[in-house]
């Protein structure tokens, strides 16, 4: 799961580099990693 989160964050960072507003290029990888963190917290018993 950690490897998948890292790979998806790197892909989001690469895709975000082509977005025009700089805020999107910064926020997209953070949002992807935040989604994985929330999923990990919710899946705990």
Protein backbone atom coordinates (compact mmCIF):
# COMPACT_ATOMS: atom_id res chain seq x y z
CA UNK A 1 0.00 0.00 0.00
CA UNK A 2 2.87 2.37 0.78
CA UNK A 3 4.51 1.70 -2.57
CA UNK A 4 1.20 2.37 -4.35
CA UNK A 5 0.81 5.65 -2.45
CA UNK A 6 4.32 6.77 -3.39
CA UNK A 7 3.87 5.84 -7.05
CA UNK A 8 0.50 7.61 -7.28
CA UNK A 9 1.92 10.71 -5.59
CA UNK A 10 4.85 10.81 -8.04
CA UNK A 11 2.46 10.43 -10.98
CA UNK A 12 0.28 13.22 -9.60
CA UNK A 13 3.36 15.41 -9.21
CA UNK A 14 4.41 14.76 -12.79
CA UNK A 15 0.93 15.52 -14.10
CA UNK A 16 0.66 18.56 -11.85
CA UNK A 17 3.83 20.00 -13.34
CA UNK A 18 1.95 20.59 -16.59
CA UNK A 19 -0.98 22.42 -14.96
CA UNK A 20 -0.92 26.16 -15.40
CA UNK A 21 -1.60 27.61 -11.92
CA UNK A 22 1.29 26.75 -9.62
CA UNK A 23 -1.16 26.07 -6.78
CA UNK A 24 -2.57 23.09 -8.70
CA UNK A 25 0.88 21.60 -9.26
CA UNK A 26 1.56 21.82 -5.53
CA UNK A 27 -1.88 20.77 -4.27
CA UNK A 28 -2.43 17.72 -6.49
CA UNK A 29 0.28 15.44 -4.98
CA UNK A 30 -0.66 16.59 -1.47
CA UNK A 31 -4.31 15.72 -2.12
CA UNK A 32 -3.40 12.27 -3.46
CA UNK A 33 -1.18 11.48 -0.47
CA UNK A 34 -3.83 12.84 1.90
CA UNK A 35 -6.36 10.49 0.37
CA UNK A 36 -4.10 7.51 1.03
CA UNK A 37 -3.52 8.66 4.61
CA UNK A 38 -7.26 9.01 5.24
CA UNK A 39 -7.87 5.57 3.74
CA UNK A 40 -5.22 4.07 6.03
CA UNK A 41 -6.72 5.76 9.10
CA UNK A 42 -10.25 4.62 8.27
CA UNK A 43 -9.19 1.01 7.62
CA UNK A 44 -7.74 0.62 11.11
CA UNK A 45 -9.89 -1.40 13.50
